[in-house]
Amino acid sequence: MNLPADMRRGLGLNGAGRVILTQDEDGIRISTVDQALKRIRALAAPFAQGRESVVDEFLAERRAEAAREDGEDSDAGRD
């Protein structure tokens, strides 16, 4: 689909870019992928308040495990 240059600029698109088309009772809406992600994050935010992201939790667990393993390795060298 070709969009006029002024519409692409208005959406923050340089050259080719991906857009999402949604239709509702008022018509068709064009949004960028970034705009859609921001909207999804805003909709999900109330459910995630007070919680770390699952990815952050996983990374923290892995770092703690790696630190424990490093400590065990250095203790083994003392024997």
C-alpha atoms as a PDB file:
ATOM      1  CA  MET A   1       0.000   0.000   0.000  1.00  0.00           C
ATOM      2  CA  ASN A   2       1.378   3.416  -0.869  1.00  0.00           C
ATOM      3  CA  LEU A   3       0.837   6.287   1.520  1.00  0.00           C
ATOM      4  CA  PRO A   4       1.413   9.913   0.550  1.00  0.00           C
ATOM      5  CA  ALA A   5       4.711  11.361   1.792  1.00  0.00           C
ATOM      6  CA  ASP A   6       3.012  13.783   4.215  1.00  0.00           C
ATOM      7  CA  MET A   7       1.102  10.889   5.828  1.00  0.00           C
ATOM      8  CA  ARG A   8       4.322   8.837   6.146  1.00  0.00           C
ATOM      9  CA  ARG A   9       6.047  11.806   7.775  1.00  0.00           C
ATOM     10  CA  GLY A  10       3.075  12.272  10.108  1.00  0.00           C
ATOM     11  CA  LEU A  11       3.430   8.639  11.196  1.00  0.00           C
ATOM     12  CA  GLY A  12       7.188   9.020  11.635  1.00  0.00           C
ATOM     13  CA  LEU A  13       7.996   6.640   8.791  1.00  0.00           C
ATOM     14  CA  ASN A  14      11.078   7.134   6.650  1.00  0.00           C
ATOM     15  CA  GLY A  15      10.788   5.391   3.307  1.00  0.00           C
ATOM     16  CA  ALA A  16       9.198   1.966   3.531  1.00  0.00           C
ATOM     17  CA  GLY A  17       7.750   0.953   6.860  1.00  0.00           C
ATOM     18  CA  ARG A  18       5.205  -1.364   8.386  1.00  0.00           C
ATOM     19  CA  VAL A  19       1.799  -0.125   9.405  1.00  0.00           C
ATOM     20  CA  ILE A  20      -1.185  -1.770  11.010  1.00  0.00           C
ATOM     21  CA  LEU A  21      -4.694  -1.173   9.702  1.00  0.00           C
ATOM     22  CA  THR A  22      -7.621  -1.623  12.063  1.00  0.00           C
ATOM     23  CA  GLN A  23     -11.273  -1.157  11.279  1.00  0.00           C
ATOM     24  CA  ASP A  24     -13.998  -0.190  13.702  1.00  0.00           C
ATOM     25  CA  GLU A  25     -17.455   1.383  13.459  1.00  0.00           C
ATOM     26  CA  ASP A  26     -15.854   4.810  12.858  1.00  0.00           C
ATOM     27  CA  GLY A  27     -13.684   3.750   9.935  1.00  0.00           C
ATOM     28  CA  ILE A  28     -10.118   2.591   9.345  1.00  0.00           C
ATOM     29  CA  ARG A  29      -7.181   3.541  11.538  1.00  0.00           C
ATOM     30  CA  ILE A  30      -3.548   3.448  10.394  1.00  0.00           C
ATOM     31  CA  SER A  31      -0.862   3.091  13.055  1.00  0.00           C
ATOM     32  CA  THR A  32       2.785   2.147  13.112  1.00  0.00           C
ATOM     33  CA  VAL A  33       4.074  -0.974  14.811  1.00  0.00           C
ATOM     34  CA  ASP A  34       5.694   1.241  17.481  1.00  0.00           C
ATOM     35  CA  GLN A  35       2.383   2.987  18.156  1.00  0.00           C
ATOM     36  CA  ALA A  36       0.601  -0.370  18.454  1.00  0.00           C
ATOM     37  CA  LEU A  37       3.237  -1.678  20.896  1.00  0.00           C
ATOM     38  CA  LYS A  38       2.904   1.457  23.038  1.00  0.00           C
ATOM     39  CA  ARG A  39      -0.866   0.961  23.131  1.00  0.00           C
ATOM     40  CA  ILE A  40      -0.520  -2.709  24.091  1.00  0.00           C
ATOM     41  CA  ARG A  41       1.962  -1.843  26.851  1.00  0.00           C
ATOM     42  CA  ALA A  42      -0.375   0.853  28.171  1.00  0.00           C
ATOM     43  CA  LEU A  43      -3.284  -1.616  28.202  1.00  0.00           C
ATOM     44  CA  ALA A  44      -1.182  -4.269  29.989  1.00  0.00           C
ATOM     45  CA  ALA A  45       0.430  -1.877  32.503  1.00  0.00           C
ATOM     46  CA  PRO A  46      -2.322  -2.122  35.158  1.00  0.00           C
ATOM     47  CA  PHE A  47      -1.837  -5.897  35.284  1.00  0.00           C
ATOM     48  CA  ALA A  48       1.940  -5.656  35.677  1.00  0.00           C
ATOM     49  CA  GLN A  49       2.116  -3.008  38.413  1.00  0.00           C
ATOM     50  CA  GLY A  50       4.309  -4.047  41.298  1.00  0.00           C
ATOM     51  CA  ARG A  51       5.802  -6.931  39.346  1.00  0.00           C
ATOM     52  CA  GLU A  52       9.105  -7.201  37.593  1.00  0.00           C
ATOM     53  CA  SER A  53       9.051  -8.403  34.049  1.00  0.00           C
ATOM     54  CA  VAL A  54       9.331 -12.153  33.669  1.00  0.00           C
ATOM     55  CA  VAL A  55      12.480 -11.622  31.615  1.00  0.00           C
ATOM     56  CA  ASP A  56      14.064  -9.474  34.357  1.00  0.00           C
ATOM     57  CA  GLU A  57      13.179 -12.121  36.966  1.00  0.00           C
ATOM     58  CA  PHE A  58      14.711 -14.858  34.799  1.00  0.00           C
ATOM     59  CA  LEU A  59      17.906 -12.870  34.224  1.00  0.00           C
ATOM     60  CA  ALA A  60      18.253 -12.127  37.949  1.00  0.00           C
ATOM     61  CA  GLU A  61      17.875 -15.838  38.746  1.00  0.00           C
ATOM     62  CA  ARG A  62      20.475 -16.801  36.132  1.00  0.00           C
ATOM     63  CA  ARG A  63      22.926 -14.176  37.415  1.00  0.00           C
ATOM     64  CA  ALA A  64      22.497 -15.428  40.985  1.00  0.00           C
ATOM     65  CA  GLU A  65      22.997 -19.015  39.850  1.00  0.00           C
ATOM     66  CA  ALA A  66      26.125 -18.054  37.889  1.00  0.00           C
ATOM     67  CA  ALA A  67      27.498 -16.208  40.927  1.00  0.00           C
ATOM     68  CA  ARG A  68      26.887 -19.293  43.100  1.00  0.00           C
ATOM     69  CA  GLU A  69      28.630 -21.493  40.521  1.00  0.00           C
ATOM     70  CA  ASP A  70      31.596 -19.094  40.379  1.00  0.00           C
ATOM     71  CA  GLY A  71      31.814 -19.215  44.178  1.00  0.00           C
ATOM     72  CA  GLU A  72      31.760 -23.011  44.156  1.00  0.00           C
ATOM     73  CA  ASP A  73      34.507 -23.106  41.527  1.00  0.00           C
ATOM     74  CA  SER A  74      36.771 -20.813  43.561  1.00  0.00           C
ATOM     75  CA  ASP A  75      36.099 -22.850  46.740  1.00  0.00           C
ATOM     76  CA  ALA A  76      37.081 -26.061  44.934  1.00  0.00           C
ATOM     77  CA  GLY A  77      40.503 -24.606  44.108  1.00  0.00           C
ATOM     78  CA  ARG A  78      41.309 -24.198  47.817  1.00  0.00           C
ATOM     79  CA  ASP A  79      41.458 -27.968  48.537  1.00  0.00           C
END
